[in-house]
Amino acid sequence: MPLSEQELRLLDEMERHLMNKDADVVSAPRDGQTLSYRNIVYGTILVLLGIGGLIAGVSSGIIVIGVIAFLVMVAGVVLAVTPARGFAAATPRSGEKKPKPASSSSSASFMDRMNDRWDRRQGDR
């Protein structure tokens, strides 16, 4: 079921507002700096181990174990949010056009930009 003209205008207005107010949340990582699922998994494991160590340190009364467990938790969070290294910036393959950067002042609609983004991701696989 297609959206009405009023719904399209409202959606575009909400997108512009979100881009202007919360650009850091909306913006995707640039220059090939994407989060690595492997780093997220390892970071999560470290955080869970740190929580277990923190509980063990508190229950045993040994402060050193709690401090080390807390540092392990911090390292896990840092690892999880660190962008992957070794990936070059997304460059178009031979025969493909270089994707245009999406901007809020673009004449393309929100759905067109989302479809273009989906097509680019499907092409990378």
Protein backbone atom coordinates (compact mmCIF):
# COMPACT_ATOMS: atom_id res chain seq x y z
CA MET A 1 0.00 0.00 0.00
CA PRO A 2 1.66 3.26 -1.11
CA LEU A 3 2.01 6.19 1.26
CA SER A 4 -0.16 9.25 0.78
CA GLU A 5 1.38 12.60 -0.13
CA GLN A 6 0.86 13.86 3.43
CA GLU A 7 2.56 10.78 4.89
CA LEU A 8 5.52 11.20 2.52
CA ARG A 9 5.89 14.86 3.53
CA LEU A 10 5.69 13.93 7.21
CA LEU A 11 8.29 11.18 6.74
CA ASP A 12 10.65 13.57 4.93
CA GLU A 13 10.17 16.19 7.64
CA MET A 14 10.91 13.66 10.38
CA GLU A 15 14.03 12.51 8.53
CA ARG A 16 15.31 16.08 8.12
CA HIS A 17 14.66 16.76 11.82
CA LEU A 18 16.48 13.60 12.83
CA MET A 19 19.42 14.39 10.56
CA ASN A 20 19.68 17.93 11.95
CA LYS A 21 19.26 17.08 15.63
CA ASP A 22 20.79 13.60 15.94
CA ALA A 23 23.29 13.45 13.11
CA ASP A 24 25.77 11.43 15.18
CA VAL A 25 23.18 8.69 15.68
CA VAL A 26 22.04 8.65 12.07
CA SER A 27 25.43 8.90 10.41
CA ALA A 28 26.97 5.66 9.23
CA PRO A 29 30.66 4.92 9.76
CA ARG A 30 32.74 6.52 7.02
CA ASP A 31 35.98 5.62 5.25
CA GLY A 32 35.50 1.88 5.59
CA GLN A 33 35.43 2.04 9.37
CA THR A 34 32.66 -0.41 10.12
CA LEU A 35 32.11 -2.33 13.30
CA SER A 36 33.36 -5.88 13.18
CA TYR A 37 30.97 -8.58 14.36
CA ARG A 38 33.96 -10.54 15.59
CA ASN A 39 35.05 -7.60 17.76
CA ILE A 40 31.52 -7.23 19.08
CA VAL A 41 31.36 -10.92 20.01
CA TYR A 42 34.79 -10.91 21.66
CA GLY A 43 33.98 -7.67 23.47
CA THR A 44 30.70 -9.10 24.74
CA ILE A 45 32.48 -12.21 25.99
CA LEU A 46 35.03 -10.05 27.80
CA VAL A 47 32.26 -7.98 29.40
CA LEU A 48 30.48 -11.12 30.58
CA LEU A 49 33.74 -12.54 31.97
CA GLY A 50 34.36 -9.22 33.69
CA ILE A 51 30.92 -9.27 35.28
CA GLY A 52 31.55 -12.79 36.52
CA GLY A 53 34.93 -11.77 37.88
CA LEU A 54 33.43 -8.71 39.53
CA ILE A 55 30.82 -10.85 41.25
CA ALA A 56 33.53 -13.30 42.34
CA GLY A 57 35.70 -10.46 43.63
CA VAL A 58 32.89 -8.90 45.62
CA SER A 59 31.70 -12.20 47.07
CA SER A 60 35.21 -13.25 48.09
CA GLY A 61 36.12 -9.82 49.42
CA ILE A 62 39.32 -9.60 47.36
CA ILE A 63 39.38 -6.10 45.92
CA VAL A 64 42.13 -6.84 43.38
CA ILE A 65 39.95 -9.39 41.58
CA GLY A 66 37.13 -6.84 41.35
CA VAL A 67 39.44 -4.15 39.96
CA ILE A 68 40.93 -6.52 37.37
CA ALA A 69 37.43 -7.69 36.40
CA PHE A 70 36.32 -4.09 35.96
CA LEU A 71 39.31 -3.41 33.69
CA VAL A 72 38.42 -6.53 31.67
CA MET A 73 34.88 -5.17 31.29
CA VAL A 74 36.17 -1.80 30.08
CA ALA A 75 38.51 -3.54 27.62
CA GLY A 76 35.56 -5.56 26.32
CA VAL A 77 33.49 -2.45 25.70
CA VAL A 78 36.39 -0.72 23.97
CA LEU A 79 36.98 -3.78 21.81
CA ALA A 80 33.30 -4.03 20.89
CA VAL A 81 33.02 -0.41 19.73
CA THR A 82 36.39 -0.22 17.96
CA PRO A 83 36.04 -0.08 14.16
CA ALA A 84 37.55 -2.96 12.20
CA ARG A 85 41.04 -2.41 10.86
CA GLY A 86 42.49 -3.49 7.57
CA PHE A 87 39.39 -2.74 5.53
CA ALA A 88 39.89 -0.26 2.74
CA ALA A 89 37.32 2.38 2.08
CA ALA A 90 34.44 1.12 0.04
CA THR A 91 35.56 1.51 -3.55
CA PRO A 92 33.42 0.68 -6.54
CA ARG A 93 34.28 -2.49 -8.41
CA SER A 94 35.14 -2.36 -12.07
CA GLY A 95 32.09 -1.45 -14.09
CA GLU A 96 30.18 -0.06 -11.11
CA LYS A 97 29.41 3.58 -10.57
CA LYS A 98 30.74 5.28 -7.49
CA PRO A 99 27.84 5.71 -5.05
CA LYS A 100 26.74 9.28 -4.43
CA PRO A 101 26.85 10.43 -0.82
CA ALA A 102 23.40 10.78 0.67
CA SER A 103 22.60 14.22 1.98
CA SER A 104 19.54 15.64 3.63
CA SER A 105 19.19 18.25 0.87
CA SER A 106 19.15 15.59 -1.81
CA SER A 107 16.15 15.50 -4.13
CA ALA A 108 15.89 11.73 -3.68
CA SER A 109 13.25 10.57 -1.25
CA PHE A 110 13.97 8.70 1.92
CA MET A 111 12.86 5.39 0.43
CA ASP A 112 15.03 5.93 -2.67
CA ARG A 113 18.09 6.46 -0.49
CA MET A 114 17.23 3.41 1.62
CA ASN A 115 16.81 1.32 -1.55
CA ASP A 116 20.15 2.56 -2.89
CA ARG A 117 21.84 1.72 0.41
CA TRP A 118 20.28 -1.76 0.37
CA ASP A 119 21.44 -2.32 -3.23
CA ARG A 120 24.99 -1.27 -2.34
CA ARG A 121 25.06 -3.68 0.63
CA GLN A 122 23.71 -6.52 -1.48
CA GLY A 123 26.37 -5.80 -4.12
CA ASP A 124 29.14 -6.10 -1.50
CA ARG A 125 28.20 -9.71 -0.73
